[in-house]
N, C-alpha and C. Protein backbone atom coordinates (compact mmCIF):
# COMPACT_ATOMS: atom_id res chain seq x y z
N UNK A 1 29.84 -23.16 55.70
CA UNK A 1 30.81 -22.97 55.76
C UNK A 1 30.71 -23.07 57.38
N UNK A 2 31.76 -23.57 57.75
CA UNK A 2 31.47 -23.34 59.42
C UNK A 2 32.07 -22.05 59.57
N UNK A 3 31.41 -21.89 60.90
CA UNK A 3 32.20 -20.60 62.08
C UNK A 3 33.48 -20.85 62.42
N UNK A 4 34.37 -19.76 62.35
CA UNK A 4 35.65 -19.48 62.77
C UNK A 4 35.56 -18.56 64.23
N UNK A 5 35.58 -18.73 65.15
CA UNK A 5 35.34 -18.02 66.50
C UNK A 5 36.78 -17.62 66.96
N UNK A 6 37.18 -16.34 66.68
CA UNK A 6 38.56 -15.91 66.97
C UNK A 6 38.52 -15.17 68.14
N UNK A 7 38.76 -15.12 69.21
CA UNK A 7 39.00 -14.14 70.67
C UNK A 7 40.42 -13.81 70.64
N UNK A 8 40.57 -12.49 70.50
CA UNK A 8 41.98 -11.72 70.54
C UNK A 8 41.84 -11.01 72.24
N UNK A 9 42.56 -11.91 72.81
CA UNK A 9 43.02 -11.41 74.28
C UNK A 9 44.26 -10.49 74.36
N UNK A 10 43.78 -9.27 75.12
CA UNK A 10 44.38 -8.21 75.67
C UNK A 10 44.22 -7.74 76.76
N UNK A 11 45.11 -6.83 76.99
CA UNK A 11 44.79 -5.84 78.06
C UNK A 11 45.01 -4.10 77.87
N UNK A 12 44.84 -2.82 78.82
CA UNK A 12 44.27 -1.89 77.95
C UNK A 12 45.80 -1.52 77.40
N UNK A 13 45.58 -0.25 76.58
CA UNK A 13 46.69 0.46 75.70
C UNK A 13 47.62 -1.13 74.74
N UNK A 14 46.61 -1.36 74.27
CA UNK A 14 47.61 -2.53 73.68
C UNK A 14 47.27 -2.56 71.77
N UNK A 15 46.47 -1.74 71.49
CA UNK A 15 46.19 -1.42 70.33
C UNK A 15 45.27 -2.46 69.79
N UNK A 16 44.50 -2.79 70.49
CA UNK A 16 43.35 -3.61 70.32
C UNK A 16 42.36 -3.40 69.54
N UNK A 17 42.16 -2.13 69.46
CA UNK A 17 41.12 -1.56 68.66
C UNK A 17 41.49 -1.30 67.19
N UNK A 18 42.57 -0.66 66.87
CA UNK A 18 42.95 -1.16 66.04
C UNK A 18 43.55 -2.44 65.01
N UNK A 19 43.60 -3.31 65.78
CA UNK A 19 43.84 -4.58 65.33
C UNK A 19 42.19 -5.26 64.77
N UNK A 20 40.96 -5.37 65.87
CA UNK A 20 39.52 -5.32 65.50
C UNK A 20 39.32 -4.47 64.25
N UNK A 21 39.51 -3.16 64.09
CA UNK A 21 39.21 -2.70 62.63
C UNK A 21 39.77 -3.18 61.65
N UNK A 22 40.65 -3.43 61.93
CA UNK A 22 41.94 -4.54 60.72
C UNK A 22 40.93 -5.61 60.02
N UNK A 23 40.52 -6.52 60.94
CA UNK A 23 39.44 -7.77 60.89
C UNK A 23 38.07 -7.43 60.38
N UNK A 24 37.55 -6.35 61.06
CA UNK A 24 36.21 -5.63 60.52
C UNK A 24 36.12 -5.04 59.11
N UNK A 25 37.73 -4.87 58.79
CA UNK A 25 37.41 -4.61 57.17
C UNK A 25 37.39 -5.82 56.31
N UNK A 26 37.52 -7.29 56.80
CA UNK A 26 37.00 -8.23 55.93
C UNK A 26 35.66 -8.04 55.71
N UNK A 27 35.27 -8.34 54.48
CA UNK A 27 33.76 -8.78 54.25
C UNK A 27 33.38 -10.01 54.80
N UNK A 28 34.40 -11.00 54.96
CA UNK A 28 33.55 -12.58 55.87
C UNK A 28 33.57 -12.35 57.13
N UNK A 29 33.86 -11.22 58.03
CA UNK A 29 34.34 -11.63 59.26
C UNK A 29 33.24 -10.37 60.03
N UNK A 30 32.91 -11.01 61.10
CA UNK A 30 31.84 -10.19 62.26
C UNK A 30 32.77 -9.73 63.25
N UNK A 31 32.61 -8.52 63.82
CA UNK A 31 33.60 -8.45 65.07
C UNK A 31 32.30 -7.81 66.14
N UNK A 32 33.10 -8.63 67.35
CA UNK A 32 32.29 -7.51 68.46
C UNK A 32 33.63 -7.41 69.36
N UNK A 33 33.17 -5.79 70.08
CA UNK A 33 34.21 -5.15 70.84
C UNK A 33 34.08 -5.42 72.49
N UNK A 34 34.76 -6.01 73.01
CA UNK A 34 34.42 -6.16 74.68
C UNK A 34 33.54 -6.75 74.92
N UNK A 35 33.06 -7.88 74.38
CA UNK A 35 31.43 -8.09 75.11
C UNK A 35 31.60 -8.25 76.57
N UNK A 36 32.27 -8.67 77.38
CA UNK A 36 32.07 -8.53 78.46
C UNK A 36 32.45 -7.24 79.62
N UNK A 37 32.56 -6.55 78.95
CA UNK A 37 32.80 -5.28 79.47
C UNK A 37 31.49 -4.89 80.55
N UNK A 38 30.32 -4.82 79.96
CA UNK A 38 29.28 -4.63 80.73
C UNK A 38 29.27 -5.76 81.93
N UNK A 39 29.47 -6.61 81.70
CA UNK A 39 29.72 -7.78 83.20
C UNK A 39 30.83 -7.54 84.10
N UNK A 40 31.44 -6.90 83.30
CA UNK A 40 32.99 -6.98 84.33
C UNK A 40 32.38 -5.42 85.15
N UNK A 41 31.82 -4.24 84.55
CA UNK A 41 31.23 -3.02 84.94
C UNK A 41 30.91 -3.78 86.32
N UNK A 42 29.56 -4.14 85.94
CA UNK A 42 28.54 -4.70 87.26
C UNK A 42 29.22 -5.52 88.23
N UNK A 43 30.02 -6.48 87.75
CA UNK A 43 30.55 -7.26 88.45
C UNK A 43 31.72 -6.53 90.14
N UNK A 44 32.29 -5.48 89.14
CA UNK A 44 33.17 -4.91 89.51
C UNK A 44 32.92 -3.62 90.35
N UNK A 45 31.56 -3.27 90.50
CA UNK A 45 30.99 -2.08 90.81
C UNK A 45 32.06 -0.99 89.96
N UNK A 46 33.01 -0.86 88.77
CA UNK A 46 33.36 0.34 88.67
C UNK A 46 32.53 1.13 87.94
N UNK A 47 32.93 2.42 88.21
CA UNK A 47 31.98 3.59 87.96
C UNK A 47 32.68 4.34 86.48
N UNK A 48 33.16 3.62 85.19
CA UNK A 48 33.71 4.10 84.11
C UNK A 48 32.41 4.58 83.17
N UNK A 49 32.95 5.50 82.21
CA UNK A 49 32.43 6.73 81.79
C UNK A 49 31.55 6.09 81.11
N UNK A 50 30.10 6.24 81.23
CA UNK A 50 29.47 5.55 80.39
C UNK A 50 28.53 4.48 80.73
N UNK A 51 28.90 3.98 82.66
CA UNK A 51 29.21 2.72 82.51
C UNK A 51 27.15 1.93 82.45
N UNK A 52 26.56 2.77 82.73
CA UNK A 52 25.25 2.53 82.97
C UNK A 52 24.54 1.97 81.69
N UNK A 53 24.99 3.17 80.66
CA UNK A 53 24.61 2.64 79.21
C UNK A 53 25.04 1.56 78.43
N UNK A 54 26.48 1.11 78.36
CA UNK A 54 27.29 0.18 78.66
C UNK A 54 26.41 -1.04 79.18
N UNK A 55 26.34 -0.99 80.09
CA UNK A 55 25.94 -2.22 80.96
C UNK A 55 24.15 -2.70 80.38
N UNK A 56 23.43 -1.52 80.16
CA UNK A 56 22.43 -1.73 79.57
C UNK A 56 22.54 -2.23 78.25
N UNK A 57 23.31 -1.59 77.58
CA UNK A 57 23.53 -2.41 76.12
C UNK A 57 24.38 -3.51 75.74
N UNK A 58 24.94 -4.02 76.63
CA UNK A 58 25.64 -5.27 76.47
C UNK A 58 25.05 -6.46 77.33
N UNK A 59 24.24 -5.96 78.31
CA UNK A 59 24.04 -6.65 79.39
C UNK A 59 25.12 -7.28 80.74
N UNK A 60 24.46 -7.89 81.88
CA UNK A 60 25.61 -8.26 82.79
C UNK A 60 26.04 -9.66 83.43
N UNK A 61 24.94 -10.32 82.38
CA UNK A 61 25.23 -11.69 82.89
C UNK A 61 25.91 -12.18 82.44
N UNK A 62 27.17 -12.60 82.32
CA UNK A 62 28.64 -13.47 82.00
C UNK A 62 28.23 -14.44 81.26
N UNK A 63 27.43 -15.42 81.99
CA UNK A 63 27.12 -16.55 81.50
C UNK A 63 25.95 -16.61 80.21
N UNK A 64 25.31 -15.71 80.41
CA UNK A 64 23.93 -15.21 78.88
C UNK A 64 24.96 -15.20 77.52
N UNK A 65 25.94 -13.96 78.05
CA UNK A 65 26.91 -13.47 77.13
C UNK A 65 28.12 -14.59 76.12
N UNK A 66 28.41 -15.31 77.39
CA UNK A 66 29.43 -16.40 76.70
C UNK A 66 28.34 -17.39 75.86
N UNK A 67 27.41 -17.44 76.27
CA UNK A 67 26.64 -18.70 75.36
C UNK A 67 26.48 -17.91 73.78
N UNK A 68 26.18 -16.69 73.76
CA UNK A 68 26.06 -15.99 72.15
C UNK A 68 27.60 -16.13 71.87
N UNK A 69 28.78 -15.71 72.70
CA UNK A 69 29.83 -15.55 71.97
C UNK A 69 30.55 -17.05 71.25
N UNK A 70 29.67 -18.36 72.13
CA UNK A 70 30.07 -19.72 71.55
C UNK A 70 29.34 -20.53 70.63
N UNK A 71 27.95 -19.72 70.31
CA UNK A 71 26.79 -20.08 69.61
C UNK A 71 26.14 -19.49 68.71
N UNK A 72 26.22 -18.11 68.70
CA UNK A 72 25.16 -17.37 68.22
C UNK A 72 25.71 -17.46 66.10
N UNK A 73 24.93 -17.95 65.36
CA UNK A 73 25.24 -18.06 63.76
C UNK A 73 25.15 -16.40 63.73
N UNK A 74 26.18 -16.58 62.30
CA UNK A 74 26.88 -15.08 61.79
C UNK A 74 26.11 -14.82 60.57
N UNK A 75 25.44 -13.25 60.21
CA UNK A 75 24.85 -12.80 58.97
C UNK A 75 25.37 -13.66 57.85
N UNK A 76 24.80 -13.83 56.72
CA UNK A 76 25.27 -14.27 55.68
C UNK A 76 26.23 -13.77 55.04
N UNK A 77 27.31 -14.37 54.33
CA UNK A 77 28.32 -13.76 54.22
C UNK A 77 29.63 -13.82 55.34
N UNK A 78 29.47 -14.06 56.30
CA UNK A 78 30.05 -14.07 57.53
C UNK A 78 30.59 -15.08 58.19
N UNK A 79 31.74 -15.89 58.10
CA UNK A 79 31.71 -16.97 58.71
C UNK A 79 32.83 -16.50 59.83
N UNK A 80 33.58 -15.85 59.58
CA UNK A 80 34.79 -15.77 61.09
C UNK A 80 34.04 -14.78 61.86
N UNK A 81 34.03 -14.59 63.10
CA UNK A 81 33.21 -14.17 64.37
C UNK A 81 34.68 -13.65 65.29
N UNK A 82 35.17 -12.43 65.38
CA UNK A 82 36.14 -11.53 65.79
C UNK A 82 35.99 -11.27 66.96
N UNK A 83 36.20 -11.79 68.06
CA UNK A 83 36.18 -11.10 69.33
C UNK A 83 37.21 -10.38 70.29
N UNK A 84 36.91 -9.14 70.15
CA UNK A 84 38.11 -8.46 70.99
C UNK A 84 37.83 -8.41 72.62
N UNK A 85 38.61 -9.24 73.56
CA UNK A 85 38.53 -9.23 74.91
C UNK A 85 39.54 -8.64 75.93
N UNK A 86 39.10 -8.10 76.55
CA UNK A 86 40.14 -7.71 77.55
C UNK A 86 40.18 -8.82 78.66
N UNK A 87 41.42 -9.07 79.04
CA UNK A 87 41.58 -9.92 79.92
C UNK A 87 41.51 -10.05 81.20
N UNK A 88 41.08 -9.08 81.56
CA UNK A 88 40.82 -8.45 83.12
C UNK A 88 39.17 -8.21 83.28
N UNK A 89 38.40 -8.61 81.96
CA UNK A 89 36.97 -8.36 82.15
C UNK A 89 36.79 -9.92 82.38
N UNK A 90 36.95 -10.81 82.45
CA UNK A 90 36.94 -11.84 82.94
C UNK A 90 36.74 -11.80 84.44
N UNK A 91 37.28 -11.50 85.22
CA UNK A 91 36.86 -11.57 86.73
C UNK A 91 37.21 -12.92 86.96
N UNK A 92 37.88 -12.40 88.49
CA UNK A 92 38.20 -13.68 89.26
C UNK A 92 37.64 -14.93 89.41
N UNK A 93 36.15 -15.06 89.36
CA UNK A 93 35.68 -16.10 89.32
C UNK A 93 34.83 -16.92 88.67
N UNK A 94 35.36 -15.97 87.01
CA UNK A 94 34.56 -16.64 86.01
C UNK A 94 35.16 -18.18 85.14
N UNK A 95 34.33 -18.69 85.24
CA UNK A 95 34.84 -20.25 84.53
C UNK A 95 35.60 -19.37 83.44
N UNK A 96 36.56 -20.73 83.23
CA UNK A 96 37.20 -20.37 81.73
C UNK A 96 36.94 -21.77 80.62
N UNK A 97 36.35 -22.80 80.90
CA UNK A 97 36.05 -24.03 80.13
C UNK A 97 35.61 -23.29 78.43
N UNK A 98 34.93 -22.35 78.36
CA UNK A 98 34.13 -21.83 77.11
C UNK A 98 34.89 -21.44 76.45
N UNK A 99 36.49 -20.82 76.53
CA UNK A 99 37.30 -20.67 75.85
C UNK A 99 38.13 -21.74 74.96
N UNK A 100 37.73 -22.72 75.43
CA UNK A 100 38.44 -23.88 74.80
C UNK A 100 37.83 -23.76 73.16
N UNK A 101 36.54 -23.72 73.23
CA UNK A 101 35.78 -23.89 72.31
C UNK A 101 36.17 -22.04 71.00
N UNK A 102 37.30 -21.87 71.34
CA UNK A 102 37.51 -20.79 70.59
C UNK A 102 38.86 -20.83 69.80
N UNK A 103 39.31 -20.02 69.01
CA UNK A 103 41.00 -19.71 68.42
C UNK A 103 41.07 -18.85 69.11
N UNK A 104 41.95 -19.25 70.07
CA UNK A 104 42.88 -17.96 71.06
C UNK A 104 43.93 -17.27 70.73
N UNK A 105 43.77 -15.98 70.84
CA UNK A 105 45.24 -15.22 70.15
C UNK A 105 45.60 -14.55 71.36
N UNK A 106 46.58 -13.80 71.28
CA UNK A 106 47.10 -13.11 72.78
C UNK A 106 47.58 -12.07 71.73
N UNK A 107 47.43 -10.62 72.51
CA UNK A 107 48.07 -9.26 71.66
C UNK A 107 48.49 -8.57 72.88
N UNK A 108 49.91 -8.84 72.99
CA UNK A 108 50.52 -8.36 73.78
C UNK A 108 51.83 -7.28 73.45
N UNK A 109 51.88 -6.47 73.66
CA UNK A 109 52.61 -5.06 73.32
C UNK A 109 53.68 -4.60 74.54
N UNK A 110 54.51 -4.45 74.22
CA UNK A 110 55.84 -4.06 74.76
C UNK A 110 55.41 -3.31 76.08
N UNK A 111 55.38 -4.23 77.30
CA UNK A 111 55.15 -3.36 78.56
C UNK A 111 55.31 -1.73 78.76
N UNK A 112 56.65 -1.47 78.11
CA UNK A 112 57.22 -0.27 78.54
C UNK A 112 55.71 1.07 77.53
N UNK A 113 55.48 0.78 76.65
CA UNK A 113 54.71 1.47 75.83
C UNK A 113 53.78 1.40 76.58
N UNK A 114 53.15 0.12 76.99
CA UNK A 114 51.53 0.07 77.88
C UNK A 114 51.35 1.11 78.55
N UNK A 115 52.74 1.11 79.52
CA UNK A 115 52.27 1.74 81.16
C UNK A 115 52.49 3.26 80.59
N UNK A 116 53.38 3.70 79.32
CA UNK A 116 53.79 5.08 79.45
C UNK A 116 52.21 5.85 78.90
N UNK A 117 51.59 4.81 78.00
CA UNK A 117 50.31 5.20 77.67
C UNK A 117 49.26 4.86 78.56
N UNK A 118 49.24 4.17 79.20
CA UNK A 118 48.29 3.91 80.50
C UNK A 118 48.35 5.13 81.61
N UNK A 119 49.94 5.40 81.92
CA UNK A 119 49.71 6.30 83.03
C UNK A 119 49.65 7.83 82.43
N UNK A 120 49.27 8.25 81.45
CA UNK A 120 48.72 9.50 80.86
C UNK A 120 47.15 9.62 81.44
N UNK A 121 46.76 8.47 81.53
CA UNK A 121 45.23 8.88 82.05
C UNK A 121 44.85 8.36 83.46
N UNK A 122 45.60 7.46 83.95
CA UNK A 122 45.85 7.28 85.20
C UNK A 122 47.07 7.42 86.12
N UNK A 123 46.84 7.67 87.45
CA UNK A 123 47.72 8.20 88.19
C UNK A 123 48.62 6.87 88.82
N UNK A 124 47.55 5.59 89.37
CA UNK A 124 48.15 4.79 89.84
C UNK A 124 47.91 3.20 89.16
N UNK A 125 48.55 2.66 89.04
CA UNK A 125 48.66 1.58 88.35
C UNK A 125 49.34 0.36 89.06
N UNK A 126 48.76 -0.93 88.66
CA UNK A 126 49.04 -1.87 89.00
C UNK A 126 49.21 -3.05 87.95
N UNK A 127 49.89 -4.02 87.99
CA UNK A 127 50.01 -5.02 87.26
C UNK A 127 48.28 -5.76 86.62
N UNK A 128 47.57 -5.36 87.91
CA UNK A 128 46.06 -5.95 87.69
C UNK A 128 45.61 -5.42 86.68
N UNK A 129 45.68 -3.76 87.10
CA UNK A 129 45.50 -3.23 86.18
C UNK A 129 45.42 -3.38 84.34
N UNK A 130 46.66 -3.35 84.52
CA UNK A 130 47.32 -4.07 82.79
C UNK A 130 47.01 -5.29 82.67
N UNK A 131 46.48 -5.83 83.12
CA UNK A 131 46.07 -7.63 82.85
C UNK A 131 46.66 -8.35 82.86
N UNK A 132 48.23 -7.86 83.37
CA UNK A 132 49.09 -9.25 83.20
C UNK A 132 48.95 -10.62 84.09
N UNK A 133 48.25 -10.31 85.26
CA UNK A 133 48.29 -11.62 85.72
C UNK A 133 47.10 -12.63 85.10
N UNK A 134 45.79 -11.53 84.54
CA UNK A 134 45.00 -12.27 84.17
C UNK A 134 45.40 -12.72 82.90
N UNK A 135 46.42 -11.92 81.99
CA UNK A 135 46.87 -12.72 80.35
C UNK A 135 47.50 -14.17 81.26
N UNK A 136 48.58 -14.21 81.96
CA UNK A 136 48.96 -15.15 82.32
C UNK A 136 48.47 -16.34 82.84
N UNK A 137 47.10 -16.34 83.53
CA UNK A 137 46.12 -17.56 83.96
C UNK A 137 45.58 -17.92 82.65
N UNK A 138 45.31 -16.71 81.83
CA UNK A 138 44.35 -17.21 80.99
C UNK A 138 44.82 -18.02 79.90
N UNK A 139 46.36 -17.73 79.78
CA UNK A 139 47.39 -18.22 78.59
C UNK A 139 47.71 -19.47 79.09
N UNK A 140 47.84 -19.64 80.06
CA UNK A 140 48.49 -21.16 80.88
C UNK A 140 47.26 -22.11 80.71
N UNK A 141 46.00 -21.43 80.97
CA UNK A 141 44.54 -22.24 81.06
C UNK A 141 44.54 -23.49 79.81
N UNK A 142 44.38 -22.25 78.57
CA UNK A 142 44.59 -22.67 77.34
C UNK A 142 45.67 -23.54 76.72
N UNK A 143 46.88 -23.07 77.15
CA UNK A 143 47.85 -24.34 76.90
C UNK A 143 47.50 -25.46 77.33
N UNK A 144 46.97 -25.51 78.56
CA UNK A 144 46.69 -26.72 79.41
C UNK A 144 45.77 -27.53 78.70
N UNK A 145 44.72 -27.42 78.39
CA UNK A 145 43.49 -27.42 78.28
C UNK A 145 43.02 -27.48 76.68
N UNK A 146 43.61 -27.05 75.68
CA UNK A 146 43.30 -27.19 74.25
C UNK A 146 44.76 -28.03 73.55
N UNK A 147 44.35 -28.39 71.98
CA UNK A 147 44.97 -29.23 71.56
C UNK A 147 46.02 -28.44 70.86
N UNK A 148 46.27 -27.24 71.11
CA UNK A 148 47.35 -26.26 70.44
C UNK A 148 47.67 -24.61 71.65
N UNK A 149 48.82 -24.47 71.50
CA UNK A 149 49.36 -23.42 72.30
C UNK A 149 48.66 -22.32 71.56
N UNK A 150 48.16 -21.13 72.11
CA UNK A 150 47.73 -20.09 71.67
C UNK A 150 48.82 -19.31 71.06
N UNK A 151 48.28 -18.43 70.03
CA UNK A 151 48.97 -17.64 69.13
C UNK A 151 49.45 -16.37 70.09
N UNK A 152 50.57 -16.08 69.92
CA UNK A 152 50.92 -14.57 70.68
C UNK A 152 51.11 -13.44 69.73
């Protein structure tokens, strides 16, 4: 059976982990959680909690990580590869052509709730922190390059 690669694109505080866990409950689905996070931490220099461990576990070479995301074979019995991505982990200079090989979906929560949740942990916030400009750029890219518009 052909592998279906689903990329769920989100920003922080969008309840994306709950969505990933729901997909992970399917017996035919392999999930991966924020595979570009280590690369993002390395490129941005951000010192998030456990950043060294994350970079070590995930790697920091975005090109290598992306290659795995679009080519890896799944374990027996699995034919759906659900990838939970954060749009701001893409970085400003990361090429996007690889996303055309995925089934792209955008998870967007009401910004009022996103902001209310985000400011509980962060005193200052920008639209970029919430990944809105990155989501728009990625959405437009997928809309323009793929045969079908991404689901939202």
